[in-house]
Every structure is written in C-alpha cells, then in structure tokens.
Amino acid sequence: MKSKIHFREFALLMALLMSIVSFSIDAVLPALGEIGRVFDLKNNNQTQWVIIGIFSGMTIGQLIAGPLSDAIGRKRILFAGIIIYFLGSLLCFTTQSFEWFLIGRFIQGIGVSGPYVASISIVRDKYSGAQMARIMSLIMMVFMVAPAIAPSLGQLIIHFFGWREIFVLYMVYATVVGAWVALRLEETLLPENRLPMRLQAFQEGFNEVVSNKTTMSYLLCAGFCFGGFIGYLGTSQQIFMQQFGKTGQEFSAYFAVLAGVMGVASFTNSKIVMKFGMRPICIYGFLGLCLISLVFLGIQLLGVAVSFWMFMLYACILFLLFGTLFGNLNAIAMEPMGHVAGMASAIIGAASSVLSLILASIIGQLYNGTLIPMTAGFVILCGLAFAMTIYENRYLKKSNA
C-alpha cells in the first residue's frame, strides 16, 4: 500500500516526535533558578535533577516501549507514550512538592520514550544503511529547531505567565502531535512481522545487541557522547546565568545560536554522509572533540581567565562536531539490527542512556563555578569514543578481509 505521507512531512513528523525529549528539557532551562527558589533548594546543583529526572524515566520507558512496539505496532506505543507524557506534565504543573515534581518529570520521561523509540523504529522500518543516516540527519536538522526556540519560548512564558505554564505548553504540544499521528501516519509494522512480547524475545534481542561488535561499539560511543552533552545541558543555566552573568533573554539567545550551529552541522552531514561514509565522519568527529577540549582544558589549567566569548567559541566548535555525529551513531548501531528493530532500539537506547546518565550526573555534580569539570569530561569521554570507533573500524576490516 502506498504511503499517504510525503517524505518531507514524514521527516518533519518524526523530528517533532523525537523533539518532545529536547523540548521537554530546553524550554524549562531558563526556569531552573526560579524552580530552585520556589522549592527552597539549598544547593544550586540540585536543580540538575530536573534534567536528569526526565532522562531517568526515558531510560526505563525505552525497555518497555521497544518490545511493545515490536509486539503491538508502532502507533499504539506512540499514543500510549503521549498520554503518559501528558499526565506527567499535568503533575509537574500542579504539585507543590519538589519530590513530586521530580516524579512528574520521571513520568514525562517514561512518556517520551514511546514516541522516541517508535519514531526510530518507524524510520528503520522504512529505510536502512546510509539512506537511514541521511534521513536521520534531516530529522536531526529539524530536531535542532526545538533547542533553538524552546528556551526563548520558556522565557516568554515565564515573563507573561510563570514557570509552571511551561508545562501547559508541553500538554498542548503532546495533543497537537498526537492528533497529527492519528490523522496522517500509517502503521509501518505489519501484523505478520510483529514479535510476541516474551522474556525469551528480550533475552534474544539483548544477546543480539551485546554479541554484535559494531552495535556495542557505537552504543558505548553514544553513551560517552551523550554523557558529556547531558552534563553540559544540566549545568548550562548555571554556566550562562550564574558564572557569566547572562540574563534569561541572553541565555535563550546564545542557546539558540549553539542549537543553530548543530542544526547546520546536521544538514551538512546529510549531504556528505553518502560521499564520505558514516564511520570516517564519526572517527574524525570524536578526534576533533577530544583535541579541542584538550586545548581548552590546558588553557584553563594554565590559569588563563576564560572569557564568555572564549567559552562560546569552544561551545560552537563542540556543537558543530556534535551535529555531524548524532545522526550517524544511532544509524551505525542499528544497521545490523533490522530484524529486531524495536527491541534493539530499546536496548541500545536504554543501555546508552544509563551510561550517559551516570556520566552526566558525575560531571554535573562536580560543577564548581568553573568550566574545568565539563571540559575534562569531554576530553575523557570523547577520547574513549574515538578509541571505540578505531577498534570497531579495525574489526570490520579484519572480518571483511
């Protein structure tokens, strides 16, 4: 049956489904200081749990959403996730307790796992290989619009209404995207291709993932990469607004600039990936991240006072390289897993998320008013990721010899 949704509309819808994650993080970033004051938090680093909370829920949710999407279809998981996300947003909007607020964020995370896992599986149902990397890069380009505009939207809502009304925006977003899915997106997993949800199926899928050197290598790379990135997100409000004294409007503007840089890089990757290949882009991308971070760390350790514009230059280079990586990492990890796409997507996503959350929590809680913990984290993590890409590339060459 011919698809009723056009290629560009499909890419846009998939990007909006994946963007629920970044939108749920970035719009609330300007409000972290106010949240800390409203809930009377004693340590500024405690506000980082607002970011960690949603990723924690997402980690667990992926393990449920993945197998279910293989068993009952992609669209049902999309709808279930959107409803759970709506309820988590409602709890965050109404609660007067920071503990319950974090539970609401955790529920939001469980909810977003449905759209996130299902959308990746839907893309894998329809595309593979470099073509999948191409559409993932196009999706990532649109995906980057969310962090570009979300902080500004959050700041606007805070100015006219209050920080709690950001969660009303989340509920509206979920409703609109859910209606679009219902009206335009067809089911991509036919009944005859569905896998019953059994413990044995999970064990088999897990064994498939951990026994495949390509998938495991790039799973770890994704964990290292996102660990540093989430660590930055968790401390971004403190870096911009407390360390460098930028206002909420300035924070939103500079955050948008960095997101724009990443969006341009993702678009560029969609154009060059067919020519140069996913693996070389990842290898040189991680090498570049490690080297530029090493230089920036050395500058700080030498006692040079880091100005805001020095930080922005470093951050622009980081985001430029991240933009070339994100679309490729998942595509390479998923490439050998087409026969168990939903299960593999869940296991890869959950495992890399657990790793990234642990690393991000360490980096975030080490924040001490300087950029040294974050920069050192990037040096170590990107160095490890570079080593993994070299290992996987050599293994692949030997196995194909």
Protein backbone atom coordinates (compact mmCIF):
# COMPACT_ATOMS: atom_id res chain seq x y z
CA MET A 1 0.00 0.00 0.00
CA LYS A 2 1.35 3.43 -0.98
CA SER A 3 2.21 5.70 1.92
CA LYS A 4 -0.14 8.66 2.28
CA ILE A 5 2.52 10.76 3.99
CA HIS A 6 5.11 12.57 1.87
CA PHE A 7 8.85 12.18 2.51
CA ARG A 8 9.25 15.73 3.87
CA GLU A 9 6.14 15.52 6.02
CA PHE A 10 7.35 12.18 7.32
CA ALA A 11 10.75 13.64 8.25
CA LEU A 12 9.07 16.62 9.94
CA LEU A 13 6.68 14.44 11.96
CA MET A 14 9.47 12.09 13.06
CA ALA A 15 11.53 15.11 14.09
CA LEU A 16 8.66 16.53 16.14
CA LEU A 17 8.14 13.17 17.85
CA MET A 18 11.82 12.95 18.75
CA SER A 19 11.81 16.64 19.70
CA ILE A 20 9.44 16.00 22.59
CA VAL A 21 12.57 14.99 24.51
CA SER A 22 14.64 18.10 23.79
CA PHE A 23 11.60 20.39 24.02
CA SER A 24 10.83 18.97 27.48
CA ILE A 25 14.38 19.79 28.57
CA ASP A 26 15.26 23.05 26.87
CA ALA A 27 12.08 25.06 27.47
CA VAL A 28 12.44 24.62 31.23
CA LEU A 29 16.15 25.54 31.37
CA PRO A 30 15.57 29.30 31.92
CA ALA A 31 13.26 28.39 34.83
CA LEU A 32 15.75 26.28 36.80
CA GLY A 33 16.83 29.14 39.01
CA GLU A 34 13.21 30.06 39.81
CA ILE A 35 12.36 26.39 40.43
CA GLY A 36 15.23 26.23 42.93
CA ARG A 37 13.88 29.31 44.73
CA VAL A 38 10.22 28.16 44.73
CA PHE A 39 11.12 24.75 46.16
CA ASP A 40 13.73 26.27 48.50
CA LEU A 41 16.65 24.13 47.31
CA LYS A 42 19.82 24.60 49.35
CA ASN A 43 22.32 23.65 46.62
CA ASN A 44 22.17 25.07 43.08
CA ASN A 45 23.40 21.74 41.69
CA GLN A 46 20.13 20.13 42.89
CA THR A 47 18.24 21.77 40.01
CA GLN A 48 20.19 19.49 37.65
CA TRP A 49 17.89 16.65 38.80
CA VAL A 50 15.08 18.36 36.86
CA ILE A 51 17.04 17.42 33.73
CA ILE A 52 18.30 14.06 34.98
CA GLY A 53 14.77 13.07 36.08
CA ILE A 54 13.29 13.04 32.59
CA PHE A 55 16.26 11.10 31.19
CA SER A 56 15.90 8.54 34.01
CA GLY A 57 12.26 7.91 33.16
CA MET A 58 13.14 7.67 29.50
CA THR A 59 15.79 5.05 30.20
CA ILE A 60 13.28 2.70 31.87
CA GLY A 61 10.50 3.56 29.45
CA GLN A 62 12.56 2.52 26.43
CA LEU A 63 12.89 -1.03 27.75
CA ILE A 64 9.10 -1.27 27.83
CA ALA A 65 8.29 0.72 24.70
CA GLY A 66 10.73 -1.13 22.44
CA PRO A 67 9.44 -4.68 22.93
CA LEU A 68 5.83 -3.45 22.93
CA SER A 69 6.33 -1.62 19.64
CA ASP A 70 7.52 -4.91 18.07
CA ALA A 71 4.54 -6.78 19.58
CA ILE A 72 1.57 -4.45 19.07
CA GLY A 73 2.74 -1.94 16.47
CA ARG A 74 4.33 1.48 16.41
CA LYS A 75 1.24 3.72 16.52
CA ARG A 76 -0.21 2.25 19.72
CA ILE A 77 3.06 2.89 21.50
CA LEU A 78 3.09 6.44 20.18
CA PHE A 79 -0.39 7.11 21.59
CA ALA A 80 0.35 5.44 24.94
CA GLY A 81 3.56 7.44 25.37
CA ILE A 82 1.86 10.73 24.52
CA ILE A 83 -0.89 10.11 27.10
CA ILE A 84 1.64 9.23 29.85
CA TYR A 85 3.68 12.31 28.95
CA PHE A 86 0.55 14.48 29.21
CA LEU A 87 -0.16 13.11 32.72
CA GLY A 88 3.43 13.71 33.86
CA SER A 89 3.24 17.30 32.60
CA LEU A 90 -0.02 17.78 34.48
CA LEU A 91 1.58 16.56 37.72
CA CYS A 92 4.52 18.96 37.30
CA PHE A 93 2.09 21.81 36.69
CA THR A 94 0.01 21.18 39.82
CA THR A 95 2.39 19.86 42.50
CA GLN A 96 3.76 21.97 45.37
CA SER A 97 6.49 19.46 46.33
CA PHE A 98 9.91 19.18 44.67
CA GLU A 99 9.88 15.41 45.23
CA TRP A 100 6.54 15.07 43.40
CA PHE A 101 7.79 17.48 40.76
CA LEU A 102 10.72 15.13 40.07
CA ILE A 103 8.28 12.19 39.94
CA GLY A 104 6.31 14.16 37.34
CA ARG A 105 9.50 14.64 35.33
CA PHE A 106 10.21 10.91 35.65
CA ILE A 107 6.70 10.14 34.34
CA GLN A 108 7.30 12.59 31.49
CA GLY A 109 10.45 10.62 30.69
CA ILE A 110 8.55 7.33 30.59
CA GLY A 111 6.07 9.02 28.27
CA VAL A 112 8.60 10.43 25.82
CA SER A 113 10.23 7.01 25.46
CA GLY A 114 7.20 5.86 23.44
CA PRO A 115 7.49 8.49 20.68
CA TYR A 116 11.29 8.33 20.75
CA VAL A 117 11.62 4.54 20.39
CA ALA A 118 8.69 4.20 17.99
CA SER A 119 9.91 7.01 15.71
CA ILE A 120 13.40 5.47 15.40
CA SER A 121 11.81 2.06 14.69
CA ILE A 122 9.47 3.60 12.12
CA VAL A 123 12.46 5.15 10.31
CA ARG A 124 14.25 1.78 10.43
CA ASP A 125 11.10 0.07 9.09
CA LYS A 126 11.22 2.30 6.02
CA TYR A 127 14.96 2.93 5.49
CA SER A 128 18.37 1.34 6.10
CA GLY A 129 22.11 1.96 5.80
CA ALA A 130 23.38 5.29 4.50
CA GLN A 131 19.85 6.21 3.40
CA MET A 132 18.76 5.86 7.03
CA ALA A 133 21.68 8.04 8.11
CA ARG A 134 20.61 10.63 5.51
CA ILE A 135 17.02 10.86 6.74
CA MET A 136 18.18 10.75 10.37
CA SER A 137 20.40 13.74 9.64
CA LEU A 138 17.47 15.59 8.04
CA ILE A 139 15.36 14.70 11.07
CA MET A 140 18.13 15.92 13.35
CA MET A 141 18.26 19.20 11.41
CA VAL A 142 14.57 19.84 12.18
CA PHE A 143 15.09 18.34 15.64
CA MET A 144 17.60 21.13 16.34
CA VAL A 145 14.89 23.77 15.91
CA ALA A 146 13.47 22.69 19.28
CA PRO A 147 16.53 23.63 21.38
CA ALA A 148 16.90 26.78 19.28
CA ILE A 149 13.44 28.13 20.09
CA ALA A 150 12.46 26.23 23.27
CA PRO A 151 14.42 28.37 25.79
CA SER A 152 13.02 31.53 24.21
CA LEU A 153 9.50 30.14 24.41
CA GLY A 154 10.12 29.14 28.01
CA GLN A 155 11.47 32.60 28.83
CA LEU A 156 8.46 34.24 27.12
CA ILE A 157 6.02 32.10 29.11
CA ILE A 158 7.86 32.85 32.35
CA HIS A 159 7.69 36.60 31.60
CA PHE A 160 3.96 36.73 30.85
CA PHE A 161 2.57 33.89 32.98
CA GLY A 162 5.02 31.98 35.19
CA TRP A 163 7.32 28.97 35.02
CA ARG A 164 4.54 26.45 35.71
CA GLU A 165 2.74 27.40 32.49
CA ILE A 166 5.66 25.87 30.56
CA PHE A 167 4.05 22.53 31.40
CA VAL A 168 0.78 23.70 29.85
CA LEU A 169 2.80 24.25 26.66
CA TYR A 170 4.06 20.66 26.94
CA MET A 171 0.48 19.37 27.19
CA VAL A 172 -0.59 21.37 24.13
CA TYR A 173 2.45 20.11 22.17
CA ALA A 174 1.61 16.49 23.02
CA THR A 175 -2.02 16.95 21.98
CA VAL A 176 -1.15 18.50 18.59
CA VAL A 177 1.49 15.90 17.69
CA GLY A 178 -0.81 13.06 18.81
CA ALA A 179 -3.57 14.35 16.53
CA TRP A 180 -1.12 14.57 13.60
CA VAL A 181 -0.04 10.96 14.13
CA ALA A 182 -3.67 9.81 14.26
CA LEU A 183 -4.60 11.58 11.04
CA ARG A 184 -1.55 11.14 8.80
CA LEU A 185 0.81 8.35 9.89
CA GLU A 186 0.17 4.78 8.80
CA GLU A 187 1.30 1.74 10.78
CA THR A 188 4.72 0.63 9.45
CA LEU A 189 4.91 -2.74 11.24
CA LEU A 190 2.53 -5.18 9.58
CA PRO A 191 0.80 -7.80 11.80
CA GLU A 192 2.72 -10.67 10.18
CA ASN A 193 6.05 -9.03 11.11
CA ARG A 194 5.23 -8.49 14.78
CA LEU A 195 7.04 -10.35 17.53
CA PRO A 196 5.25 -11.57 20.65
CA MET A 197 6.40 -9.86 23.85
CA ARG A 198 8.20 -12.64 25.66
CA LEU A 199 11.08 -12.68 28.13
CA GLN A 200 12.90 -15.02 25.75
CA ALA A 201 12.50 -12.46 22.94
CA PHE A 202 14.07 -9.80 25.14
CA GLN A 203 16.93 -12.13 26.04
CA GLU A 204 17.46 -12.96 22.37
CA GLY A 205 17.39 -9.29 21.44
CA PHE A 206 19.81 -8.49 24.26
CA ASN A 207 22.14 -11.25 23.10
CA GLU A 208 21.95 -9.91 19.53
CA VAL A 209 22.98 -6.45 20.70
CA VAL A 210 25.80 -7.43 23.09
CA SER A 211 27.27 -10.01 20.71
CA ASN A 212 27.50 -7.60 17.78
CA LYS A 213 30.75 -5.65 17.99
CA THR A 214 29.52 -2.85 15.73
CA THR A 215 26.34 -2.29 17.72
CA MET A 216 28.11 -2.47 21.09
CA SER A 217 30.94 -0.18 19.99
CA TYR A 218 28.59 2.53 18.83
CA LEU A 219 26.26 2.00 21.78
CA LEU A 220 29.21 2.89 24.02
CA CYS A 221 30.14 5.80 21.76
CA ALA A 222 26.60 7.14 22.06
CA GLY A 223 26.73 6.76 25.84
CA PHE A 224 30.03 8.62 26.09
CA CYS A 225 28.87 11.33 23.69
CA PHE A 226 25.50 11.93 25.33
CA GLY A 227 27.05 11.71 28.80
CA GLY A 228 29.12 14.80 28.09
CA PHE A 229 26.25 16.51 26.29
CA ILE A 230 23.70 15.92 29.08
CA GLY A 231 26.30 17.04 31.61
CA TYR A 232 26.54 20.31 29.69
CA LEU A 233 22.74 20.67 29.50
CA GLY A 234 22.37 20.15 33.24
CA THR A 235 24.89 22.90 34.02
CA SER A 236 24.09 25.27 31.12
CA GLN A 237 21.82 27.53 33.16
CA GLN A 238 24.48 27.82 35.88
CA ILE A 239 27.23 28.46 33.31
CA PHE A 240 25.39 31.14 31.35
CA MET A 241 23.35 32.86 34.06
CA GLN A 242 25.49 32.44 37.19
CA GLN A 243 29.09 32.03 36.01
CA PHE A 244 28.92 34.54 33.14
CA GLY A 245 26.03 36.65 34.44
CA LYS A 246 23.80 36.42 31.37
CA THR A 247 20.09 37.24 31.74
CA GLY A 248 17.31 34.82 30.80
CA GLN A 249 16.84 36.53 27.42
CA GLU A 250 20.57 36.41 26.69
CA PHE A 251 20.74 32.76 27.78
CA SER A 252 17.93 31.88 25.37
CA ALA A 253 19.59 33.77 22.52
CA TYR A 254 23.03 32.19 22.98
CA PHE A 255 21.48 28.76 23.46
CA ALA A 256 19.64 29.26 20.15
CA VAL A 257 22.90 30.16 18.42
CA LEU A 258 24.52 26.91 19.57
CA ALA A 259 21.47 24.90 18.53
CA GLY A 260 21.60 26.61 15.13
CA VAL A 261 25.23 25.60 14.73
CA MET A 262 24.29 22.00 15.47
CA GLY A 263 21.40 22.18 13.01
CA VAL A 264 23.69 23.43 10.23
CA ALA A 265 26.13 20.62 11.02
CA SER A 266 23.35 18.02 10.86
CA PHE A 267 22.20 19.36 7.50
CA THR A 268 25.80 19.27 6.22
CA ASN A 269 26.14 15.68 7.42
CA SER A 270 23.04 14.70 5.42
CA LYS A 271 24.83 15.99 2.31
CA ILE A 272 28.28 14.48 2.90
CA VAL A 273 27.46 11.15 4.56
CA MET A 274 26.71 9.43 1.22
CA LYS A 275 30.14 10.53 -0.09
CA PHE A 276 32.43 10.04 2.90
CA GLY A 277 30.56 7.38 4.90
CA MET A 278 29.31 7.30 8.47
CA ARG A 279 32.36 5.77 10.12
CA PRO A 280 35.02 8.24 8.90
CA ILE A 281 32.78 11.13 9.98
CA CYS A 282 32.44 9.62 13.46
CA ILE A 283 36.16 8.85 13.79
CA TYR A 284 37.30 12.35 12.85
CA GLY A 285 34.42 13.95 14.74
CA PHE A 286 35.42 12.33 18.04
CA LEU A 287 39.08 13.07 17.40
CA GLY A 288 38.24 16.73 16.85
CA LEU A 289 36.11 16.89 20.01
CA CYS A 290 38.89 15.35 22.08
CA LEU A 291 41.62 17.65 20.73
CA ILE A 292 39.70 20.93 21.01
CA SER A 293 38.62 20.02 24.55
CA LEU A 294 42.20 19.14 25.47
CA VAL A 295 43.39 22.54 24.24
CA PHE A 296 40.61 24.38 26.11
CA LEU A 297 41.33 22.39 29.30
CA GLY A 298 45.02 23.25 29.03
CA ILE A 299 44.20 26.95 28.75
CA GLN A 300 42.19 26.78 31.98
CA LEU A 301 44.77 24.74 33.88
CA LEU A 302 47.42 27.32 32.95
CA GLY A 303 45.37 29.86 34.89
CA VAL A 304 44.16 31.91 31.92
CA ALA A 305 40.89 33.70 32.75
CA VAL A 306 38.26 32.29 30.41
CA SER A 307 36.03 35.00 28.96
CA PHE A 308 32.48 34.38 27.82
CA TRP A 309 33.49 34.67 24.17
CA MET A 310 36.26 32.11 24.61
CA PHE A 311 33.64 29.74 26.01
CA MET A 312 31.24 30.48 23.13
CA LEU A 313 33.94 29.77 20.54
CA TYR A 314 34.70 26.45 22.21
CA ALA A 315 30.99 25.60 22.51
CA CYS A 316 30.35 26.43 18.83
CA ILE A 317 33.10 24.01 17.76
CA LEU A 318 31.69 21.35 20.10
CA PHE A 319 28.17 21.74 18.74
CA LEU A 320 29.42 21.78 15.16
CA LEU A 321 31.09 18.40 15.68
CA PHE A 322 28.17 17.00 17.70
CA GLY A 323 25.87 17.85 14.81
CA THR A 324 27.86 15.61 12.48
CA LEU A 325 27.80 12.73 14.98
CA PHE A 326 24.30 12.30 16.39
CA GLY A 327 22.59 11.10 13.20
CA ASN A 328 25.39 8.65 12.41
CA LEU A 329 25.89 7.00 15.81
CA ASN A 330 22.40 5.54 16.06
CA ALA A 331 22.30 4.61 12.37
CA ILE A 332 25.53 2.57 12.64
CA ALA A 333 24.43 0.90 15.90
CA MET A 334 21.04 -0.03 14.37
CA GLU A 335 22.40 -1.12 10.98
CA PRO A 336 22.87 -4.83 11.87
CA MET A 337 19.60 -4.93 13.88
CA GLY A 338 16.93 -4.57 11.19
CA HIS A 339 15.31 -7.91 12.08
CA VAL A 340 14.73 -6.81 15.70
CA ALA A 341 14.48 -3.05 15.22
CA GLY A 342 12.12 -2.20 18.07
CA MET A 343 13.80 -4.43 20.64
CA ALA A 344 17.29 -3.35 19.56
CA SER A 345 16.31 0.32 19.60
CA ALA A 346 15.05 -0.07 23.16
CA ILE A 347 18.12 -1.94 24.41
CA ILE A 348 20.57 0.38 22.66
CA GLY A 349 18.71 3.46 23.85
CA ALA A 350 18.33 2.24 27.44
CA ALA A 351 21.90 0.98 27.79
CA SER A 352 23.46 4.11 26.30
CA SER A 353 21.12 6.25 28.44
CA VAL A 354 22.13 4.50 31.68
CA LEU A 355 25.77 5.07 30.82
CA SER A 356 25.22 8.69 29.80
CA LEU A 357 23.13 9.48 32.91
CA ILE A 358 25.81 8.14 35.25
CA LEU A 359 28.49 10.13 33.46
CA ALA A 360 26.35 13.28 33.21
CA SER A 361 25.47 13.12 36.91
CA ILE A 362 29.15 12.92 37.84
CA ILE A 363 30.08 15.83 35.56
CA GLY A 364 27.13 17.93 36.70
CA GLN A 365 27.65 17.41 40.43
CA LEU A 366 31.34 18.28 40.05
CA TYR A 367 30.42 21.74 38.76
CA ASN A 368 32.27 24.23 40.93
CA GLY A 369 31.75 27.55 39.20
CA THR A 370 34.39 26.81 36.54
CA LEU A 371 34.38 25.03 33.17
CA ILE A 372 37.12 22.58 34.17
CA PRO A 373 34.88 19.60 35.17
CA MET A 374 32.85 19.85 31.96
CA THR A 375 35.90 20.26 29.71
CA ALA A 376 37.79 17.42 31.39
CA GLY A 377 34.69 15.26 30.95
CA PHE A 378 34.67 15.92 27.21
CA VAL A 379 38.38 15.10 26.93
CA ILE A 380 37.96 11.73 28.65
CA LEU A 381 34.64 10.70 27.10
CA CYS A 382 35.42 11.77 23.54
CA GLY A 383 38.83 10.12 23.82
CA LEU A 384 37.14 6.86 24.83
CA ALA A 385 34.63 7.19 21.98
CA PHE A 386 37.44 7.81 19.49
CA ALA A 387 39.19 4.66 20.72
CA MET A 388 35.97 2.65 20.26
CA THR A 389 35.47 3.86 16.68
CA ILE A 390 39.06 2.88 15.81
CA TYR A 391 38.55 -0.54 17.41
CA GLU A 392 35.29 -1.17 15.52
CA ASN A 393 36.74 0.01 12.21
CA ARG A 394 39.74 -2.34 12.53
CA TYR A 395 37.47 -5.23 13.50
CA LEU A 396 35.26 -4.58 10.48
CA LYS A 397 38.23 -4.55 8.13
CA LYS A 398 39.52 -7.85 9.53
CA SER A 399 36.12 -9.54 9.31
CA ASN A 400 35.70 -8.40 5.69
CA ALA A 401 39.24 -9.43 4.69
